[in-house]
Protein backbone atom coordinates (compact mmCIF):
# COMPACT_ATOMS: atom_id res chain seq x y z
CA MET A 1 185.66 33.34 -40.44
CA ASN A 2 185.92 33.66 -36.61
CA PHE A 3 187.75 36.56 -35.50
CA LEU A 4 187.30 35.68 -31.64
CA ASP A 5 190.47 34.90 -31.09
CA GLY A 6 191.37 38.62 -30.18
CA HIS A 7 194.30 39.31 -32.64
CA LEU A 8 192.38 42.11 -34.25
CA PHE A 9 192.22 43.97 -30.50
CA PRO A 10 195.28 47.00 -30.95
CA GLU A 11 196.95 45.16 -27.90
CA ASN A 12 197.71 42.07 -30.09
CA GLN A 13 199.11 43.43 -32.85
CA GLN A 14 202.51 44.91 -34.51
CA PRO A 15 203.22 48.75 -33.73
CA LEU A 16 202.12 50.72 -36.80
CA VAL A 17 204.65 52.84 -38.61
CA ILE A 18 203.44 56.11 -39.98
CA THR A 19 205.81 58.06 -42.19
CA ALA A 20 205.34 62.05 -42.85
CA ALA A 21 207.01 64.35 -45.30
CA PRO A 22 205.47 67.65 -44.41
CA TYR A 23 208.13 70.03 -46.19
CA GLY A 24 209.53 68.24 -49.69
CA PRO A 25 211.87 70.26 -51.93
CA GLU A 26 209.59 70.05 -54.98
CA TRP A 27 207.24 72.15 -53.78
CA ILE A 28 207.95 76.13 -52.73
CA PRO A 29 206.52 78.55 -50.88
CA SER A 30 204.46 80.59 -52.80
CA ASP A 31 202.51 77.18 -53.75
CA PHE A 32 201.36 76.63 -50.56
CA PRO A 33 202.00 79.39 -48.67
CA GLU A 34 199.54 78.91 -45.74
CA ASP A 35 201.43 74.92 -45.16
CA ILE A 36 205.28 75.36 -46.33
CA ALA A 37 207.11 75.84 -43.40
CA VAL A 38 210.61 77.69 -44.66
CA SER A 39 212.42 78.57 -40.92
CA MET A 40 213.97 76.40 -38.80
CA PRO A 41 211.58 76.55 -36.28
CA ALA A 42 208.26 76.87 -38.48
CA GLN A 43 209.94 73.28 -39.59
CA ILE A 44 210.99 72.06 -36.30
CA GLN A 45 206.83 72.77 -35.28
CA LYS A 46 205.57 70.78 -38.44
CA ALA A 47 207.59 67.86 -37.27
CA VAL A 48 205.80 68.38 -33.59
CA ASP A 49 202.83 68.58 -35.53
CA CYS A 50 202.96 65.37 -37.04
CA TYR A 51 203.42 63.50 -34.03
CA ASN A 52 201.24 64.70 -31.99
CA ALA A 53 199.20 63.17 -34.69
CA GLY A 54 200.57 59.61 -35.05
CA ALA A 55 203.52 60.34 -37.20
CA THR A 56 206.53 58.03 -35.66
CA VAL A 57 209.16 58.61 -38.66
CA LEU A 58 209.69 61.87 -40.07
CA HIS A 59 211.20 62.58 -43.55
CA VAL A 60 212.82 65.55 -43.61
CA HIS A 61 214.05 67.85 -46.06
CA CYS A 62 215.89 71.31 -45.23
CA ARG A 63 214.94 75.18 -46.68
CA GLU A 64 217.31 78.09 -46.89
CA ALA A 65 215.82 80.89 -46.02
CA ASP A 66 214.33 81.79 -49.50
CA GLY A 67 211.93 78.31 -49.64
CA HIS A 68 214.24 76.74 -52.10
CA GLY A 69 215.33 73.06 -50.60
CA SER A 70 219.04 73.50 -49.20
CA LYS A 71 222.04 70.27 -49.85
CA ARG A 72 223.97 72.02 -46.84
CA LEU A 73 225.05 69.11 -44.22
CA SER A 74 225.32 71.93 -41.96
CA LEU A 75 221.44 72.77 -41.85
CA PHE A 76 221.05 69.32 -42.25
CA ASN A 77 222.92 68.59 -39.05
CA GLU A 78 221.45 71.54 -37.29
CA MET A 79 217.44 70.52 -37.78
CA LEU A 80 217.99 67.05 -36.57
CA ALA A 81 219.83 68.04 -33.45
CA ARG A 82 216.52 69.93 -33.07
CA LEU A 83 214.59 67.59 -34.13
CA ARG A 84 216.15 65.07 -31.53
CA GLU A 85 215.25 67.96 -28.84
CA ALA A 86 211.56 68.44 -30.21
CA VAL A 87 210.41 65.03 -30.63
CA PRO A 88 212.79 62.60 -29.44
CA GLN A 89 210.33 59.37 -29.65
CA MET A 90 209.84 60.10 -33.07
């Protein structure tokens, strides 16, 4: 096999998509208190950290103040607006 045509060089490859899901609702903060973001600012910071680590897509879930998953549309809209400000390229 010959790789002299340059197709393995990064500039010749298709863009890489890395998806991150940093705050899934199946975990509660008491499971991993040092790692699960509950407040909105902490969740936004997690998204920024994922972006800085190379993620290009973010799978989001919102949390209520008690740490459990939320299904409130208003909370999702607030999170999406803040994410668009914090990581507009994601």
